[in-house]
Amino acid sequence: MFGMAKKVLIIGWDCAPPDWVFDKWIDDLPTLKSLLKKGVYGNLTSTIPPITVPAWQSMLTSKDPGQLGVYGFRNRKDYSYDGQYFSNGADILEPAVWDILGKAGKKSILVGVPQTYPPREINGHMVTCFLTPSIKSQYTYPNELRDEIEKNIGEYIPDVKHFRTEDRDYILKQIYQATETRFKTFRYLLKNKEWDFAMIVEMGTDRIHHSFWKFLDPAHPKYEKGNKYENVIPEYYKYLDNELKKTLDAVGACCGKPTDEDISVMVVSDHGAKSMLGGICINEWLIKEGLLTLKEYPKTFTPIEKLEIDWSKTKVWGAGGYYARIFMNVQGREPNGQIPANEYKKFRLELKQRIENIKDETGKKLLTVAHIPEETYKEVKRIPPDLIVIFDELRWRSVGSVGNPNKNSVYTYENDTGPDDANHAQQGMYLLSSAKGNLTGKRDDSPHLMDIAPTILDLLDVKIPKDMLGKSICGVGIGV
């Protein structure tokens, strides 16, 4: 186990892919490379599903999505057919690492950590995340911190506006402005507030991947060599590396420089990124399989939420996204249930097998897994989907709309929610650099995202709760 650190600093890059960062770009990222040489680093296995909400909170509570009762951005609030809501920090009832540190008398600084909106009381200072509706909302704790930021930094930018657009130059400008503001705010707090644990999560990495991945990756079907945006993502990572350097310089923890404070540094992501080959129109497939019936088939590509479903003739419906959420119409559960409750498990298993046998347009079987929540999570809280489907190891996304212009096909190569070039990847990244460990720059791809919270507690010599699912990267840790 490592010795005790006085402070722990975490830089989060949402969606940062280890295969690109460590294997392709590292020589152009001198600050990250200097940390890597005296640290441990590698892949960080993400949650199922590998998506910002709930992955970051799973990381920081060391609880799986089922225990959190959050299965993505959108969740069912009840068993009605339209009872979905967008999750935010109010859903997180498990203690996060800063709650545990606060009880131990340690102070935290949080900037942009997903699912921290709406803000709540912590022992320290908080600037909320990209889920903040606008800066007209209360986005800090304590409340007066908002005025202090606006006075000393200027107008805060919670997220890139309208990032699903073809105007790539507009998106790029917005990403840089938001990133600059976020890091300025973070460094201001690091210099002016007491802290033992500090964490920032930069969402620009996610936004730039989804907007520019086809310009970067030769594996993308729409990649064109020599295009004008080919270096946009690598250049942004160089910018982030410089922001990392400025942040480490601000706290005296850069590049092995002597310091009177022992600061352990981590750089982490919640999942990775990869080329999106296309989309599976899950509701088109369900219609063709005789499991979903519409009262009227649409003339144009239309979201399933805007269509009238004949619930008396429907057994299953689905939702789009980077993964598919499958819902079953069960007697005694949904208002007009069609699947007998005593046949639920058998029907679900058969449906799982049918979905996992979906092929691509050439007839090749996709490497698809339909996850059963009770078998995937330690506990299942609130209302999960009946199945969580990862199509072809995330090379394909789920498309919920019906009326595909591609001859009502199950396959599409255009996203129904706006331009999007990348899907998520199951492997995020991590790097840990600490003066307290005998680290030699070796790669270790075994850690899971839920190992991060116990690692933070271990570094700060705070007891690790026994109900955390992860274990410290540093060692065994101390259970209570």
Protein backbone atom coordinates (compact mmCIF):
# COMPACT_ATOMS: atom_id res chain seq x y z
CA MET A 1 0.00 0.00 0.00
CA PHE A 2 1.17 3.53 -0.71
CA GLY A 3 2.03 5.89 2.09
CA MET A 4 -0.34 8.70 2.98
CA ALA A 5 -0.58 11.66 0.61
CA LYS A 6 -1.38 15.13 1.86
CA LYS A 7 -3.46 15.95 -1.20
CA VAL A 8 -5.03 14.17 -4.16
CA LEU A 9 -5.65 15.99 -7.45
CA ILE A 10 -7.76 14.41 -10.21
CA ILE A 11 -8.08 15.63 -13.77
CA GLY A 12 -10.99 14.00 -15.57
CA TRP A 13 -11.17 13.86 -19.36
CA ASP A 14 -14.62 12.57 -20.26
CA CYS A 15 -14.52 9.93 -23.01
CA ALA A 16 -10.69 9.93 -23.30
CA PRO A 17 -9.57 6.71 -25.09
CA PRO A 18 -6.46 4.95 -23.73
CA ASP A 19 -5.53 3.41 -27.09
CA TRP A 20 -5.17 6.86 -28.63
CA VAL A 21 -3.82 8.77 -25.61
CA PHE A 22 -1.20 6.24 -24.49
CA ASP A 23 -0.39 4.47 -27.74
CA LYS A 24 -0.59 7.22 -30.39
CA TRP A 25 -0.41 10.69 -28.86
CA ILE A 26 1.73 10.33 -25.74
CA ASP A 27 4.92 11.78 -27.31
CA ASP A 28 3.01 14.98 -28.05
CA LEU A 29 1.72 15.21 -24.48
CA PRO A 30 4.86 16.00 -22.47
CA THR A 31 3.13 16.73 -19.16
CA LEU A 32 1.12 13.52 -19.23
CA LYS A 33 4.21 11.59 -20.32
CA SER A 34 6.24 12.93 -17.39
CA LEU A 35 3.54 11.74 -14.98
CA LEU A 36 3.33 8.39 -16.75
CA LYS A 37 7.05 7.73 -16.30
CA LYS A 38 6.73 7.87 -12.51
CA GLY A 39 3.27 6.43 -12.25
CA VAL A 40 1.03 3.52 -13.09
CA TYR A 41 -1.40 3.77 -16.00
CA GLY A 42 -3.57 1.85 -18.40
CA ASN A 43 -7.11 0.91 -19.36
CA LEU A 44 -9.93 1.54 -16.91
CA THR A 45 -12.92 -0.75 -17.47
CA SER A 46 -16.15 1.24 -17.46
CA THR A 47 -19.66 0.49 -16.31
CA ILE A 48 -22.46 -1.19 -18.23
CA PRO A 49 -23.58 0.95 -19.94
CA PRO A 50 -20.35 2.94 -20.52
CA ILE A 51 -21.88 6.40 -20.47
CA THR A 52 -21.20 9.63 -18.57
CA VAL A 53 -24.36 9.24 -16.48
CA PRO A 54 -23.90 7.13 -14.36
CA ALA A 55 -20.22 6.18 -14.98
CA TRP A 56 -18.59 9.10 -13.12
CA GLN A 57 -20.78 8.63 -10.08
CA SER A 58 -20.12 4.89 -10.16
CA MET A 59 -16.41 5.77 -10.15
CA LEU A 60 -16.73 8.15 -7.21
CA THR A 61 -19.09 6.08 -5.05
CA SER A 62 -17.62 2.67 -5.97
CA LYS A 63 -21.18 1.43 -6.51
CA ASP A 64 -22.54 -0.02 -9.74
CA PRO A 65 -25.37 1.58 -11.77
CA GLY A 66 -27.92 -0.83 -10.30
CA GLN A 67 -26.99 0.20 -6.77
CA LEU A 68 -27.25 3.84 -7.81
CA GLY A 69 -30.55 3.16 -9.57
CA VAL A 70 -29.34 5.14 -12.61
CA TYR A 71 -29.12 3.33 -15.95
CA GLY A 72 -28.31 6.25 -18.24
CA PHE A 73 -29.33 9.84 -18.85
CA ARG A 74 -32.98 8.81 -19.22
CA ASN A 75 -34.64 6.51 -16.70
CA ARG A 76 -38.15 5.25 -16.02
CA LYS A 77 -39.89 7.04 -13.16
CA ASP A 78 -42.79 4.57 -13.20
CA TYR A 79 -44.28 1.79 -15.33
CA SER A 80 -46.31 4.10 -17.54
CA TYR A 81 -45.45 4.20 -21.23
CA ASP A 82 -44.17 7.78 -21.22
CA GLY A 83 -42.80 8.07 -17.69
CA GLN A 84 -39.16 8.84 -18.40
CA TYR A 85 -37.03 11.56 -16.84
CA PHE A 86 -33.49 12.89 -17.13
CA SER A 87 -31.30 11.90 -14.20
CA ASN A 88 -29.22 14.41 -12.26
CA GLY A 89 -27.39 14.56 -8.95
CA ALA A 90 -30.60 14.36 -6.94
CA ASP A 91 -30.75 10.66 -7.87
CA ILE A 92 -27.42 9.87 -6.22
CA LEU A 93 -28.16 8.72 -2.69
CA GLU A 94 -24.97 6.73 -2.10
CA PRO A 95 -22.09 8.60 -0.42
CA ALA A 96 -19.47 9.89 -2.85
CA VAL A 97 -15.80 10.00 -1.98
CA TRP A 98 -16.01 13.68 -0.97
CA ASP A 99 -18.81 12.87 1.49
CA ILE A 100 -16.60 10.27 3.16
CA LEU A 101 -13.62 12.65 3.16
CA GLY A 102 -15.79 15.42 4.61
CA LYS A 103 -16.70 13.23 7.58
CA ALA A 104 -12.98 12.69 8.11
CA GLY A 105 -12.49 16.47 8.24
CA LYS A 106 -10.95 16.77 4.78
CA LYS A 107 -11.95 19.49 2.32
CA SER A 108 -12.79 19.02 -1.36
CA ILE A 109 -12.94 21.17 -4.49
CA LEU A 110 -15.14 19.91 -7.34
CA VAL A 111 -15.50 21.52 -10.77
CA GLY A 112 -17.67 19.99 -13.49
CA VAL A 113 -17.98 16.51 -11.97
CA PRO A 114 -21.01 14.90 -13.70
CA GLN A 115 -24.19 14.51 -11.67
CA THR A 116 -23.28 17.18 -9.13
CA TYR A 117 -26.16 19.39 -10.28
CA PRO A 118 -28.15 20.49 -8.37
CA PRO A 119 -25.40 21.49 -5.91
CA ARG A 120 -25.49 20.16 -2.40
CA GLU A 121 -23.56 20.80 0.76
CA ILE A 122 -20.01 19.47 0.94
CA ASN A 123 -17.03 20.21 3.16
CA GLY A 124 -15.46 22.46 0.58
CA HIS A 125 -16.42 24.11 -2.69
CA MET A 126 -18.38 22.84 -5.69
CA VAL A 127 -19.05 24.13 -9.20
CA THR A 128 -21.64 21.90 -10.83
CA CYS A 129 -21.55 20.01 -14.10
CA PHE A 130 -22.78 20.03 -17.70
CA LEU A 131 -26.29 19.12 -16.49
CA THR A 132 -26.63 22.67 -15.12
CA PRO A 133 -29.50 24.20 -17.16
CA SER A 134 -27.83 27.63 -17.34
CA ILE A 135 -25.79 29.98 -15.20
CA LYS A 136 -29.08 31.55 -14.15
CA SER A 137 -29.45 28.40 -12.05
CA GLN A 138 -27.62 28.05 -8.77
CA TYR A 139 -24.50 26.20 -9.86
CA THR A 140 -22.18 26.46 -6.85
CA TYR A 141 -21.83 25.46 -3.24
CA PRO A 142 -21.71 27.56 -1.22
CA ASN A 143 -24.16 29.87 -3.00
CA GLU A 144 -21.90 32.91 -2.72
CA LEU A 145 -19.15 31.13 -4.66
CA ARG A 146 -21.14 31.86 -7.81
CA ASP A 147 -20.67 35.62 -7.39
CA GLU A 148 -16.99 35.12 -6.53
CA ILE A 149 -16.40 33.18 -9.75
CA GLU A 150 -18.22 35.70 -11.91
CA LYS A 151 -16.24 38.52 -10.30
CA ASN A 152 -12.80 36.89 -10.62
CA ILE A 153 -13.16 34.64 -13.70
CA GLY A 154 -16.14 35.95 -15.65
CA GLU A 155 -19.15 34.17 -17.07
CA TYR A 156 -18.96 30.45 -16.33
CA ILE A 157 -19.75 27.99 -19.15
CA PRO A 158 -21.23 24.67 -17.91
CA ASP A 159 -21.15 22.99 -21.33
CA VAL A 160 -20.83 23.49 -25.07
CA LYS A 161 -24.06 24.84 -26.53
CA HIS A 162 -25.74 23.03 -29.44
CA PHE A 163 -22.87 20.60 -30.05
CA ARG A 164 -24.96 18.42 -32.40
CA THR A 165 -24.59 20.64 -35.45
CA GLU A 166 -22.79 20.51 -38.79
CA ASP A 167 -21.15 23.87 -38.02
CA ARG A 168 -17.87 22.34 -36.85
CA ASP A 169 -16.02 25.64 -36.54
CA TYR A 170 -18.71 26.91 -34.17
CA ILE A 171 -18.45 23.78 -32.03
CA LEU A 172 -14.67 23.97 -31.89
CA LYS A 173 -14.69 27.58 -30.75
CA GLN A 174 -17.25 26.74 -28.05
CA ILE A 175 -15.21 23.77 -26.81
CA TYR A 176 -12.06 25.84 -26.35
CA GLN A 177 -13.94 28.67 -24.62
CA ALA A 178 -15.63 26.27 -22.18
CA THR A 179 -12.39 24.40 -21.46
CA GLU A 180 -10.44 27.59 -20.82
CA THR A 181 -13.11 28.89 -18.44
CA ARG A 182 -13.37 25.60 -16.55
CA PHE A 183 -9.62 25.30 -15.93
CA LYS A 184 -9.29 28.97 -14.96
CA THR A 185 -12.06 28.44 -12.43
CA PHE A 186 -10.42 25.28 -11.10
CA ARG A 187 -7.00 26.92 -10.69
CA TYR A 188 -8.57 29.91 -8.99
CA LEU A 189 -10.14 27.59 -6.41
CA LEU A 190 -6.95 25.56 -5.97
CA LYS A 191 -5.03 28.74 -5.16
CA ASN A 192 -7.64 30.44 -2.99
CA LYS A 193 -9.45 27.67 -1.09
CA GLU A 194 -8.34 25.00 1.34
CA TRP A 195 -8.39 21.48 -0.08
CA ASP A 196 -7.25 17.93 0.48
CA PHE A 197 -9.02 16.49 -2.56
CA ALA A 198 -9.66 18.38 -5.78
CA MET A 199 -11.23 17.18 -9.01
CA ILE A 200 -12.17 18.66 -12.36
CA VAL A 201 -13.96 16.88 -15.22
CA GLU A 202 -13.54 18.34 -18.69
CA MET A 203 -16.45 17.54 -21.03
CA GLY A 204 -14.75 19.05 -24.09
CA THR A 205 -13.08 15.72 -24.82
CA ASP A 206 -16.48 14.05 -25.18
CA ARG A 207 -17.89 16.88 -27.29
CA ILE A 208 -14.91 16.98 -29.63
CA HIS A 209 -14.97 13.20 -30.16
CA HIS A 210 -18.64 13.11 -31.07
CA SER A 211 -18.23 16.07 -33.41
CA PHE A 212 -14.90 15.30 -35.10
CA TRP A 213 -14.12 11.56 -34.85
CA LYS A 214 -14.84 10.78 -38.50
CA PHE A 215 -12.19 13.34 -39.46
CA LEU A 216 -9.58 11.60 -37.27
CA ASP A 217 -10.00 7.85 -37.44
CA PRO A 218 -9.18 5.89 -40.61
CA ALA A 219 -11.45 3.12 -39.26
CA HIS A 220 -14.47 5.41 -39.60
CA PRO A 221 -16.49 4.70 -42.78
CA LYS A 222 -16.69 8.44 -43.56
CA TYR A 223 -13.00 9.23 -42.97
CA GLU A 224 -11.22 11.13 -45.73
CA LYS A 225 -7.44 11.34 -45.55
CA GLY A 226 -6.07 14.87 -45.52
CA ASN A 227 -9.34 16.53 -44.53
CA LYS A 228 -9.17 20.00 -42.92
CA TYR A 229 -10.24 18.74 -39.48
CA GLU A 230 -7.92 15.71 -39.32
CA ASN A 231 -5.76 17.14 -36.53
CA VAL A 232 -8.49 18.88 -34.52
CA ILE A 233 -8.68 16.20 -31.80
CA PRO A 234 -4.90 15.67 -31.35
CA GLU A 235 -4.39 19.45 -31.21
CA TYR A 236 -7.05 19.73 -28.52
CA TYR A 237 -5.28 17.08 -26.45
CA LYS A 238 -2.06 19.10 -26.74
CA TYR A 239 -4.03 22.05 -25.40
CA LEU A 240 -5.34 19.90 -22.54
CA ASP A 241 -1.81 18.74 -21.76
CA ASN A 242 -0.77 22.36 -21.40
CA GLU A 243 -3.78 23.04 -19.15
CA LEU A 244 -2.66 20.06 -17.09
CA LYS A 245 0.84 21.54 -16.82
CA LYS A 246 -0.50 24.93 -15.73
CA THR A 247 -2.69 23.24 -13.15
CA LEU A 248 0.17 21.16 -11.75
CA ASP A 249 2.43 24.23 -11.71
CA ALA A 250 -0.25 26.08 -9.75
CA VAL A 251 -0.09 23.49 -6.96
CA GLY A 252 3.63 22.70 -7.21
CA ALA A 253 3.22 19.16 -8.49
CA CYS A 254 4.59 19.27 -12.02
CA CYS A 255 7.24 17.09 -13.61
CA GLY A 256 8.98 16.00 -10.43
CA LYS A 257 9.72 19.52 -9.20
CA PRO A 258 10.41 19.69 -5.47
CA THR A 259 7.42 20.67 -3.40
CA ASP A 260 6.66 21.04 0.26
CA GLU A 261 3.37 19.24 -0.30
CA ASP A 262 2.91 15.64 -1.30
CA ILE A 263 0.30 15.69 -4.06
CA SER A 264 -0.81 12.52 -5.77
CA VAL A 265 -2.11 13.18 -9.27
CA MET A 266 -4.58 11.14 -11.29
CA VAL A 267 -5.83 11.61 -14.86
CA VAL A 268 -8.93 9.51 -15.58
CA SER A 269 -11.78 9.03 -18.02
CA ASP A 270 -15.18 7.40 -17.58
CA HIS A 271 -15.10 5.48 -20.87
CA GLY A 272 -13.33 5.61 -24.21
CA ALA A 273 -14.30 6.42 -27.79
CA LYS A 274 -14.41 4.53 -31.06
CA SER A 275 -15.74 4.86 -34.59
CA MET A 276 -19.47 4.40 -35.00
CA LEU A 277 -20.17 2.23 -38.02
CA GLY A 278 -23.91 2.77 -38.03
CA GLY A 279 -27.14 2.42 -36.12
CA ILE A 280 -29.54 -0.43 -35.44
CA CYS A 281 -33.11 0.87 -35.62
CA ILE A 282 -34.31 -1.15 -32.67
CA ASN A 283 -38.00 -0.28 -33.02
CA GLU A 284 -37.95 -1.02 -36.76
CA TRP A 285 -36.52 -4.42 -35.85
CA LEU A 286 -39.19 -4.99 -33.20
CA ILE A 287 -41.92 -4.09 -35.72
CA LYS A 288 -40.51 -6.56 -38.26
CA GLU A 289 -40.35 -9.21 -35.52
CA GLY A 290 -44.04 -8.70 -34.72
CA LEU A 291 -43.34 -7.44 -31.20
CA LEU A 292 -44.28 -3.77 -31.68
CA THR A 293 -47.37 -2.44 -33.48
CA LEU A 294 -48.01 1.19 -34.44
CA LYS A 295 -51.47 2.60 -35.08
CA GLU A 296 -50.03 4.38 -38.11
CA TYR A 297 -46.60 3.99 -39.69
CA PRO A 298 -44.83 7.38 -40.12
CA LYS A 299 -43.95 8.91 -43.49
CA THR A 300 -40.71 10.39 -42.16
CA PHE A 301 -38.07 9.28 -39.63
CA THR A 302 -39.90 9.98 -36.36
CA PRO A 303 -38.93 9.46 -32.68
CA ILE A 304 -40.85 6.60 -31.12
CA GLU A 305 -42.10 8.97 -28.40
CA LYS A 306 -44.06 10.92 -31.02
CA LEU A 307 -45.82 7.90 -32.49
CA GLU A 308 -49.01 6.19 -31.39
CA ILE A 309 -48.31 2.64 -30.30
CA ASP A 310 -51.08 0.05 -30.22
CA TRP A 311 -50.37 -1.27 -26.75
CA SER A 312 -52.98 -4.02 -27.10
CA LYS A 313 -50.79 -5.58 -29.82
CA THR A 314 -47.32 -4.64 -28.49
CA LYS A 315 -45.06 -6.75 -26.31
CA VAL A 316 -41.78 -4.82 -26.54
CA TRP A 317 -40.52 -1.34 -27.35
CA GLY A 318 -37.09 0.23 -27.21
CA ALA A 319 -35.11 3.45 -26.89
CA GLY A 320 -32.13 4.77 -28.80
CA GLY A 321 -28.74 5.97 -27.63
CA TYR A 322 -25.19 4.64 -27.54
CA TYR A 323 -26.81 1.46 -26.24
CA ALA A 324 -30.41 0.21 -26.44
CA ARG A 325 -32.87 0.13 -23.57
CA ILE A 326 -35.49 -2.57 -24.07
CA PHE A 327 -38.84 -2.40 -22.27
CA MET A 328 -41.36 -5.23 -22.05
CA ASN A 329 -45.12 -4.74 -21.83
CA VAL A 330 -45.95 -6.99 -18.87
CA GLN A 331 -49.41 -7.85 -17.52
CA GLY A 332 -50.01 -6.35 -14.09
CA ARG A 333 -47.01 -4.03 -14.46
CA GLU A 334 -47.59 -1.81 -17.49
CA PRO A 335 -51.09 -0.31 -17.95
CA ASN A 336 -52.00 -2.52 -20.93
CA GLY A 337 -49.57 -5.37 -20.43
CA GLN A 338 -49.47 -8.20 -22.97
CA ILE A 339 -46.81 -10.58 -21.62
CA PRO A 340 -48.12 -12.79 -18.79
CA ALA A 341 -46.14 -12.12 -15.61
CA ASN A 342 -45.41 -15.83 -15.14
CA GLU A 343 -43.81 -15.93 -18.62
CA TYR A 344 -41.70 -12.79 -18.09
CA LYS A 345 -38.31 -14.42 -17.48
CA LYS A 346 -38.70 -17.01 -20.23
CA PHE A 347 -39.85 -14.36 -22.74
CA ARG A 348 -36.97 -12.04 -21.78
CA LEU A 349 -34.40 -14.79 -22.22
CA GLU A 350 -35.79 -15.64 -25.68
CA LEU A 351 -35.80 -11.94 -26.59
CA LYS A 352 -32.21 -11.60 -25.42
CA GLN A 353 -31.18 -14.47 -27.69
CA ARG A 354 -33.04 -13.00 -30.67
CA ILE A 355 -31.44 -9.57 -30.21
CA GLU A 356 -27.99 -11.12 -29.83
CA ASN A 357 -28.50 -12.84 -33.19
CA ILE A 358 -29.10 -9.61 -35.11
CA LYS A 359 -26.83 -9.49 -38.17
CA ASP A 360 -25.45 -6.59 -40.19
CA GLU A 361 -26.53 -5.80 -43.74
CA THR A 362 -24.07 -8.32 -45.17
CA GLY A 363 -25.43 -11.13 -42.99
CA LYS A 364 -22.49 -11.11 -40.58
CA LYS A 365 -23.49 -11.71 -36.94
CA LEU A 366 -22.80 -8.71 -34.73
CA LEU A 367 -20.98 -9.18 -31.42
CA THR A 368 -23.98 -8.00 -29.43
CA VAL A 369 -24.74 -8.58 -25.74
CA ALA A 370 -28.15 -7.96 -24.17
CA HIS A 371 -27.52 -7.56 -20.44
CA ILE A 372 -30.07 -8.67 -17.85
CA PRO A 373 -29.95 -6.08 -15.00
CA GLU A 374 -30.31 -8.57 -12.11
CA GLU A 375 -27.38 -10.58 -13.48
CA THR A 376 -25.27 -7.52 -14.25
CA TYR A 377 -25.48 -5.50 -11.03
CA LYS A 378 -25.05 -6.36 -7.37
CA GLU A 379 -28.43 -4.79 -6.64
CA VAL A 380 -31.19 -3.31 -8.82
CA LYS A 381 -32.83 -0.12 -7.54
CA ARG A 382 -35.59 1.99 -9.05
CA ILE A 383 -36.82 0.78 -12.47
CA PRO A 384 -34.19 -0.61 -14.83
CA PRO A 385 -34.75 -1.43 -18.50
CA ASP A 386 -35.66 -5.07 -19.00
CA LEU A 387 -32.56 -5.46 -21.18
CA ILE A 388 -29.54 -3.21 -21.75
CA VAL A 389 -28.14 -3.91 -25.22
CA ILE A 390 -24.60 -3.19 -26.37
CA PHE A 391 -24.55 -3.62 -30.16
CA ASP A 392 -21.43 -5.12 -31.72
CA GLU A 393 -19.07 -4.08 -28.91
CA LEU A 394 -20.30 -0.48 -29.34
CA ARG A 395 -19.47 -0.22 -33.04
CA TRP A 396 -23.19 0.34 -33.67
CA ARG A 397 -25.56 2.54 -31.71
CA SER A 398 -29.26 2.10 -31.05
CA VAL A 399 -31.66 4.29 -33.03
CA GLY A 400 -35.14 4.62 -31.57
CA SER A 401 -36.85 6.43 -34.44
CA VAL A 402 -39.15 4.70 -36.94
CA GLY A 403 -39.58 5.46 -40.66
CA ASN A 404 -35.96 5.02 -41.73
CA PRO A 405 -35.43 6.81 -45.07
CA ASN A 406 -33.19 3.86 -45.98
CA LYS A 407 -36.26 1.90 -47.19
CA ASN A 408 -37.51 1.40 -43.64
CA SER A 409 -34.45 -0.72 -43.01
CA VAL A 410 -33.23 -1.89 -39.61
CA TYR A 411 -29.88 -0.25 -40.48
CA THR A 412 -29.02 3.43 -40.74
CA TYR A 413 -25.84 5.39 -41.28
CA GLU A 414 -27.24 8.72 -40.11
CA ASN A 415 -27.89 9.55 -36.47
CA ASP A 416 -31.50 10.49 -35.66
CA THR A 417 -30.54 12.99 -32.93
CA GLY A 418 -28.06 15.07 -34.92
CA PRO A 419 -24.50 14.67 -36.23
CA ASP A 420 -22.45 12.20 -34.18
CA ASP A 421 -19.30 10.45 -35.36
CA ALA A 422 -18.24 8.36 -32.36
CA ASN A 423 -19.62 5.79 -30.04
CA HIS A 424 -18.30 5.10 -26.57
CA ALA A 425 -15.79 2.36 -25.82
CA GLN A 426 -15.83 0.08 -22.79
CA GLN A 427 -12.27 1.01 -21.80
CA GLY A 428 -11.55 4.41 -20.32
CA MET A 429 -8.09 5.45 -19.11
CA TYR A 430 -6.32 6.18 -15.84
CA LEU A 431 -2.93 7.40 -14.72
CA LEU A 432 -1.76 7.64 -11.12
CA SER A 433 1.42 9.48 -10.17
CA SER A 434 2.38 9.63 -6.50
CA ALA A 435 5.61 10.36 -4.69
CA LYS A 436 4.49 7.87 -2.06
CA GLY A 437 4.68 4.82 -4.27
CA ASN A 438 7.55 2.99 -5.93
CA LEU A 439 6.06 3.50 -9.38
CA THR A 440 8.04 2.82 -12.52
CA GLY A 441 5.78 3.75 -15.39
CA LYS A 442 4.45 0.24 -15.88
CA ARG A 443 1.14 -0.32 -17.60
CA ASP A 444 -1.62 -2.16 -15.76
CA ASP A 445 -4.89 -2.67 -17.62
CA SER A 446 -6.67 -4.54 -14.82
CA PRO A 447 -8.37 -1.73 -12.80
CA HIS A 448 -12.08 -1.04 -12.95
CA LEU A 449 -13.63 2.40 -12.80
CA MET A 450 -15.01 1.57 -9.33
CA ASP A 451 -11.42 1.23 -8.03
CA ILE A 452 -10.89 5.00 -8.18
CA ALA A 453 -12.86 5.99 -5.04
CA PRO A 454 -11.08 3.48 -2.77
CA THR A 455 -7.76 4.60 -4.26
CA ILE A 456 -8.47 8.22 -3.34
CA LEU A 457 -9.36 7.22 0.23
CA ASP A 458 -6.30 4.99 0.47
CA LEU A 459 -3.98 7.79 -0.67
CA LEU A 460 -5.46 10.13 1.94
CA ASP A 461 -5.32 7.45 4.67
CA VAL A 462 -9.08 7.41 5.13
CA LYS A 463 -10.76 4.07 5.82
CA ILE A 464 -12.40 2.44 2.82
CA PRO A 465 -16.03 1.41 3.46
CA LYS A 466 -16.55 -2.33 3.14
CA ASP A 467 -19.55 -1.86 0.84
CA MET A 468 -17.45 -0.25 -1.91
CA LEU A 469 -17.24 -2.67 -4.83
CA GLY A 470 -13.81 -1.52 -5.98
CA LYS A 471 -10.41 -1.91 -4.38
CA SER A 472 -7.55 0.52 -4.12
CA ILE A 473 -5.08 0.53 -7.00
CA CYS A 474 -2.46 1.32 -4.36
CA GLY A 475 -3.01 -1.76 -2.23
CA VAL A 476 -5.48 -3.51 -0.01
CA GLY A 477 -6.68 -0.38 1.82
CA ILE A 478 -8.38 -0.22 5.17
CA GLY A 479 -11.92 -1.55 5.47
CA VAL A 480 -14.51 -0.46 8.01
